[in-house]
Amino acid sequence: LVASISGGGSTDYSGPVKGRFTISRD
């Protein structure tokens, strides 16, 4: 898992990508 985002907008990132990757949804 790299990153995930819930319907409510909560996000989660794996350790290696934290601070570098951003997940978003439209």
PDB file of all heavy atoms in Angstrom:
ATOM      1  N   LEU A   1       0.849  -1.188   0.000  1.00  0.00           N
ATOM      2  CA  LEU A   1       0.000   0.000   0.000  1.00  0.00           C
ATOM      3  C   LEU A   1       0.884   1.237   0.000  1.00  0.00           C
ATOM      4  O   LEU A   1       1.810   1.352   0.795  1.00  0.00           O
ATOM      5  CB  LEU A   1      -0.907   0.005   1.227  1.00  0.00           C
ATOM      6  CG  LEU A   1      -1.731   1.276   1.448  1.00  0.00           C
ATOM      7  CD1 LEU A   1      -2.794   1.413   0.362  1.00  0.00           C
ATOM      8  CD2 LEU A   1      -2.379   1.263   2.822  1.00  0.00           C
ATOM      9  N   VAL A   2       0.580   2.159  -0.884  1.00  0.00           N
ATOM     10  CA  VAL A   2       1.287   3.425  -0.946  1.00  0.00           C
ATOM     11  C   VAL A   2       0.519   4.494  -0.183  1.00  0.00           C
ATOM     12  O   VAL A   2       1.061   5.181   0.677  1.00  0.00           O
ATOM     13  CB  VAL A   2       1.519   3.875  -2.399  1.00  0.00           C
ATOM     14  CG1 VAL A   2       2.201   5.240  -2.443  1.00  0.00           C
ATOM     15  CG2 VAL A   2       2.344   2.837  -3.150  1.00  0.00           C
ATOM     16  N   ALA A   3      -0.750   4.633  -0.525  1.00  0.00           N
ATOM     17  CA  ALA A   3      -1.593   5.630   0.116  1.00  0.00           C
ATOM     18  C   ALA A   3      -3.048   5.285  -0.101  1.00  0.00           C
ATOM     19  O   ALA A   3      -3.401   4.631  -1.078  1.00  0.00           O
ATOM     20  CB  ALA A   3      -1.293   7.030  -0.438  1.00  0.00           C
ATOM     21  N   SER A   4      -3.888   5.725   0.804  1.00  0.00           N
ATOM     22  CA  SER A   4      -5.319   5.517   0.669  1.00  0.00           C
ATOM     23  C   SER A   4      -6.057   6.735   1.183  1.00  0.00           C
ATOM     24  O   SER A   4      -5.526   7.503   1.993  1.00  0.00           O
ATOM     25  CB  SER A   4      -5.778   4.261   1.419  1.00  0.00           C
ATOM     26  OG  SER A   4      -5.587   4.405   2.816  1.00  0.00           O
ATOM     27  N   ILE A   5      -7.285   6.883   0.718  1.00  0.00           N
ATOM     28  CA  ILE A   5      -8.115   7.991   1.160  1.00  0.00           C
ATOM     29  C   ILE A   5      -9.547   7.505   1.286  1.00  0.00           C
ATOM     30  O   ILE A   5     -10.090   6.860   0.390  1.00  0.00           O
ATOM     31  CB  ILE A   5      -7.999   9.191   0.188  1.00  0.00           C
ATOM     32  CG1 ILE A   5      -8.830  10.374   0.695  1.00  0.00           C
ATOM     33  CG2 ILE A   5      -8.404   8.796  -1.235  1.00  0.00           C
ATOM     34  CD1 ILE A   5      -8.521  11.670  -0.044  1.00  0.00           C
ATOM     35  N   SER A   6     -10.162   7.791   2.402  1.00  0.00           N
ATOM     36  CA  SER A   6     -11.520   7.354   2.670  1.00  0.00           C
ATOM     37  C   SER A   6     -12.525   8.327   2.082  1.00  0.00           C
ATOM     38  O   SER A   6     -12.185   9.411   1.617  1.00  0.00           O
ATOM     39  CB  SER A   6     -11.742   7.219   4.176  1.00  0.00           C
ATOM     40  OG  SER A   6     -11.807   8.499   4.783  1.00  0.00           O
ATOM     41  N   GLY A   7     -13.789   7.919   2.121  1.00  0.00           N
ATOM     42  CA  GLY A   7     -14.839   8.799   1.640  1.00  0.00           C
ATOM     43  C   GLY A   7     -14.919  10.092   2.419  1.00  0.00           C
ATOM     44  O   GLY A   7     -15.328  11.123   1.882  1.00  0.00           O
ATOM     45  N   GLY A   8     -14.520  10.040   3.686  1.00  0.00           N
ATOM     46  CA  GLY A   8     -14.518  11.225   4.518  1.00  0.00           C
ATOM     47  C   GLY A   8     -13.274  12.068   4.393  1.00  0.00           C
ATOM     48  O   GLY A   8     -13.162  13.110   5.048  1.00  0.00           O
ATOM     49  N   GLY A   9     -12.315  11.621   3.574  1.00  0.00           N
ATOM     50  CA  GLY A   9     -11.111  12.396   3.346  1.00  0.00           C
ATOM     51  C   GLY A   9      -9.924  12.021   4.211  1.00  0.00           C
ATOM     52  O   GLY A   9      -8.866  12.651   4.102  1.00  0.00           O
ATOM     53  N   SER A  10     -10.076  11.019   5.059  1.00  0.00           N
ATOM     54  CA  SER A  10      -8.952  10.581   5.878  1.00  0.00           C
ATOM     55  C   SER A  10      -7.921   9.871   5.011  1.00  0.00           C
ATOM     56  O   SER A  10      -8.275   9.047   4.170  1.00  0.00           O
ATOM     57  CB  SER A  10      -9.423   9.647   6.981  1.00  0.00           C
ATOM     58  OG  SER A  10     -10.314  10.309   7.865  1.00  0.00           O
ATOM     59  N   THR A  11      -6.663  10.177   5.230  1.00  0.00           N
ATOM     60  CA  THR A  11      -5.592   9.607   4.415  1.00  0.00           C
ATOM     61  C   THR A  11      -4.636   8.777   5.240  1.00  0.00           C
ATOM     62  O   THR A  11      -4.497   8.960   6.451  1.00  0.00           O
ATOM     63  CB  THR A  11      -4.805  10.706   3.690  1.00  0.00           C
ATOM     64  OG1 THR A  11      -4.243  11.604   4.662  1.00  0.00           O
ATOM     65  CG2 THR A  11      -5.709  11.495   2.756  1.00  0.00           C
ATOM     66  N   ASP A  12      -3.967   7.872   4.553  1.00  0.00           N
ATOM     67  CA  ASP A  12      -2.960   7.035   5.181  1.00  0.00           C
ATOM     68  C   ASP A  12      -1.846   6.815   4.178  1.00  0.00           C
ATOM     69  O   ASP A  12      -2.106   6.611   2.991  1.00  0.00           O
ATOM     70  CB  ASP A  12      -3.562   5.703   5.617  1.00  0.00           C
ATOM     71  CG  ASP A  12      -2.611   4.886   6.469  1.00  0.00           C
ATOM     72  OD1 ASP A  12      -1.984   5.463   7.375  1.00  0.00           O
ATOM     73  OD2 ASP A  12      -2.499   3.666   6.238  1.00  0.00           O
ATOM     74  N   TYR A  13      -0.607   6.864   4.650  1.00  0.00           N
ATOM     75  CA  TYR A  13       0.555   6.713   3.784  1.00  0.00           C
ATOM     76  C   TYR A  13       1.514   5.692   4.357  1.00  0.00           C
ATOM     77  O   TYR A  13       1.647   5.555   5.577  1.00  0.00           O
ATOM     78  CB  TYR A  13       1.296   8.040   3.623  1.00  0.00           C
ATOM     79  CG  TYR A  13       0.491   9.140   2.985  1.00  0.00           C
ATOM     80  CD1 TYR A  13      -0.262  10.012   3.758  1.00  0.00           C
ATOM     81  CD2 TYR A  13       0.484   9.310   1.602  1.00  0.00           C
ATOM     82  CE1 TYR A  13      -1.007  11.027   3.177  1.00  0.00           C
ATOM     83  CE2 TYR A  13      -0.256  10.322   1.013  1.00  0.00           C
ATOM     84  CZ  TYR A  13      -0.996  11.173   1.807  1.00  0.00           C
ATOM     85  OH  TYR A  13      -1.737  12.186   1.221  1.00  0.00           O
ATOM     86  N   SER A  14       2.201   5.008   3.483  1.00  0.00           N
ATOM     87  CA  SER A  14       3.246   4.111   3.928  1.00  0.00           C
ATOM     88  C   SER A  14       4.455   4.937   4.358  1.00  0.00           C
ATOM     89  O   SER A  14       4.648   6.071   3.905  1.00  0.00           O
ATOM     90  CB  SER A  14       3.640   3.137   2.816  1.00  0.00           C
ATOM     91  OG  SER A  14       4.250   3.816   1.742  1.00  0.00           O
ATOM     92  N   GLY A  15       5.278   4.357   5.226  1.00  0.00           N
ATOM     93  CA  GLY A  15       6.424   5.075   5.753  1.00  0.00           C
ATOM     94  C   GLY A  15       7.358   5.647   4.705  1.00  0.00           C
ATOM     95  O   GLY A  15       7.764   6.815   4.797  1.00  0.00           O
ATOM     96  N   PRO A  16       7.732   4.885   3.677  1.00  0.00           N
ATOM     97  CA  PRO A  16       8.688   5.391   2.683  1.00  0.00           C
ATOM     98  C   PRO A  16       8.222   6.596   1.875  1.00  0.00           C
ATOM     99  O   PRO A  16       9.055   7.299   1.295  1.00  0.00           O
ATOM    100  CB  PRO A  16       8.900   4.176   1.758  1.00  0.00           C
ATOM    101  CG  PRO A  16       8.594   3.002   2.622  1.00  0.00           C
ATOM    102  CD  PRO A  16       7.463   3.461   3.491  1.00  0.00           C
ATOM    103  N   VAL A  17       6.912   6.845   1.816  1.00  0.00           N
ATOM    104  CA  VAL A  17       6.423   7.937   0.980  1.00  0.00           C
ATOM    105  C   VAL A  17       5.878   9.106   1.778  1.00  0.00           C
ATOM    106  O   VAL A  17       5.530  10.142   1.182  1.00  0.00           O
ATOM    107  CB  VAL A  17       5.346   7.457  -0.015  1.00  0.00           C
ATOM    108  CG1 VAL A  17       5.836   6.245  -0.788  1.00  0.00           C
ATOM    109  CG2 VAL A  17       4.037   7.151   0.701  1.00  0.00           C
ATOM    110  N   LYS A  18       5.817   8.972   3.081  1.00  0.00           N
ATOM    111  CA  LYS A  18       5.289  10.051   3.899  1.00  0.00           C
ATOM    112  C   LYS A  18       6.104  11.327   3.702  1.00  0.00           C
ATOM    113  O   LYS A  18       7.327  11.305   3.706  1.00  0.00           O
ATOM    114  CB  LYS A  18       5.294   9.666   5.375  1.00  0.00           C
ATOM    115  CG  LYS A  18       4.217   8.678   5.763  1.00  0.00           C
ATOM    116  CD  LYS A  18       4.242   8.389   7.254  1.00  0.00           C
ATOM    117  CE  LYS A  18       3.138   7.429   7.650  1.00  0.00           C
ATOM    118  NZ  LYS A  18       3.164   7.111   9.093  1.00  0.00           N
ATOM    119  N   GLY A  19       5.401  12.416   3.529  1.00  0.00           N
ATOM    120  CA  GLY A  19       6.053  13.696   3.315  1.00  0.00           C
ATOM    121  C   GLY A  19       6.418  13.971   1.877  1.00  0.00           C
ATOM    122  O   GLY A  19       6.793  15.101   1.541  1.00  0.00           O
ATOM    123  N   ARG A  20       6.330  12.959   1.018  1.00  0.00           N
ATOM    124  CA  ARG A  20       6.691  13.135  -0.383  1.00  0.00           C
ATOM    125  C   ARG A  20       5.498  12.958  -1.331  1.00  0.00           C
ATOM    126  O   ARG A  20       5.436  13.614  -2.363  1.00  0.00           O
ATOM    127  CB  ARG A  20       7.790  12.151  -0.782  1.00  0.00           C
ATOM    128  CG  ARG A  20       9.087  12.321   0.001  1.00  0.00           C
ATOM    129  CD  ARG A  20      10.212  11.466  -0.579  1.00  0.00           C
ATOM    130  NE  ARG A  20       9.916  10.037  -0.491  1.00  0.00           N
ATOM    131  CZ  ARG A  20       9.780   9.230  -1.541  1.00  0.00           C
ATOM    132  NH1 ARG A  20       9.920   9.716  -2.771  1.00  0.00           N
ATOM    133  NH2 ARG A  20       9.522   7.945  -1.373  1.00  0.00           N
ATOM    134  N   PHE A  21       4.593  12.060  -0.979  1.00  0.00           N
ATOM    135  CA  PHE A  21       3.433  11.778  -1.821  1.00  0.00           C
ATOM    136  C   PHE A  21       2.174  12.360  -1.198  1.00  0.00           C
ATOM    137  O   PHE A  21       2.051  12.438   0.028  1.00  0.00           O
ATOM    138  CB  PHE A  21       3.229  10.269  -1.992  1.00  0.00           C
ATOM    139  CG  PHE A  21       4.279   9.573  -2.809  1.00  0.00           C
ATOM    140  CD1 PHE A  21       5.448  10.212  -3.203  1.00  0.00           C
ATOM    141  CD2 PHE A  21       4.093   8.255  -3.196  1.00  0.00           C
ATOM    142  CE1 PHE A  21       6.417   9.566  -3.952  1.00  0.00           C
ATOM    143  CE2 PHE A  21       5.047   7.589  -3.948  1.00  0.00           C
ATOM    144  CZ  PHE A  21       6.208   8.249  -4.328  1.00  0.00           C
ATOM    145  N   THR A  22       1.232  12.720  -2.045  1.00  0.00           N
ATOM    146  CA  THR A  22      -0.057  13.222  -1.588  1.00  0.00           C
ATOM    147  C   THR A  22      -1.173  12.563  -2.388  1.00  0.00           C
ATOM    148  O   THR A  22      -1.151  12.585  -3.616  1.00  0.00           O
ATOM    149  CB  THR A  22      -0.160  14.745  -1.745  1.00  0.00           C
ATOM    150  OG1 THR A  22       0.880  15.385  -0.994  1.00  0.00           O
ATOM    151  CG2 THR A  22      -1.508  15.238  -1.225  1.00  0.00           C
ATOM    152  N   ILE A  23      -2.129  11.980  -1.684  1.00  0.00           N
ATOM    153  CA  ILE A  23      -3.277  11.384  -2.342  1.00  0.00           C
ATOM    154  C   ILE A  23      -4.473  12.318  -2.204  1.00  0.00           C
ATOM    155  O   ILE A  23      -4.655  12.963  -1.170  1.00  0.00           O
ATOM    156  CB  ILE A  23      -3.606   9.985  -1.762  1.00  0.00           C
ATOM    157  CG1 ILE A  23      -4.704   9.297  -2.580  1.00  0.00           C
ATOM    158  CG2 ILE A  23      -4.000  10.079  -0.291  1.00  0.00           C
ATOM    159  CD1 ILE A  23      -4.910   7.833  -2.206  1.00  0.00           C
ATOM    160  N   SER A  24      -5.261  12.410  -3.252  1.00  0.00           N
ATOM    161  CA  SER A  24      -6.447  13.254  -3.233  1.00  0.00           C
ATOM    162  C   SER A  24      -7.514  12.619  -4.111  1.00  0.00           C
ATOM    163  O   SER A  24      -7.233  11.713  -4.893  1.00  0.00           O
ATOM    164  CB  SER A  24      -6.129  14.676  -3.713  1.00  0.00           C
ATOM    165  OG  SER A  24      -5.675  14.676  -5.052  1.00  0.00           O
ATOM    166  N   ARG A  25      -8.737  13.099  -3.973  1.00  0.00           N
ATOM    167  CA  ARG A  25      -9.823  12.558  -4.787  1.00  0.00           C
ATOM    168  C   ARG A  25     -10.773  13.653  -5.215  1.00  0.00           C
ATOM    169  O   ARG A  25     -10.949  14.662  -4.517  1.00  0.00           O
ATOM    170  CB  ARG A  25     -10.583  11.457  -4.023  1.00  0.00           C
ATOM    171  CG  ARG A  25     -11.243  11.924  -2.730  1.00  0.00           C
ATOM    172  CD  ARG A  25     -11.733  10.740  -1.903  1.00  0.00           C
ATOM    173  NE  ARG A  25     -12.895  10.089  -2.488  1.00  0.00           N
ATOM    174  CZ  ARG A  25     -13.414   8.940  -2.051  1.00  0.00           C
ATOM    175  NH1 ARG A  25     -12.844   8.300  -1.033  1.00  0.00           N
ATOM    176  NH2 ARG A  25     -14.490   8.420  -2.637  1.00  0.00           N
ATOM    177  N   ASP A  26     -11.381  13.445  -6.362  1.00  0.00           N
ATOM    178  CA  ASP A  26     -12.398  14.331  -6.894  1.00  0.00           C
ATOM    179  C   ASP A  26     -13.655  13.486  -7.036  1.00  0.00           C
ATOM    180  O   ASP A  26     -13.793  12.720  -7.983  1.00  0.00           O
ATOM    181  CB  ASP A  26     -11.968  14.911  -8.243  1.00  0.00           C
ATOM    182  CG  ASP A  26     -12.948  15.937  -8.775  1.00  0.00           C
ATOM    183  OD1 ASP A  26     -14.131  15.894  -8.424  1.00  0.00           O
ATOM    184  OD2 ASP A  26     -12.516  16.803  -9.565  1.00  0.00           O
TER     185      ASP A  26
END
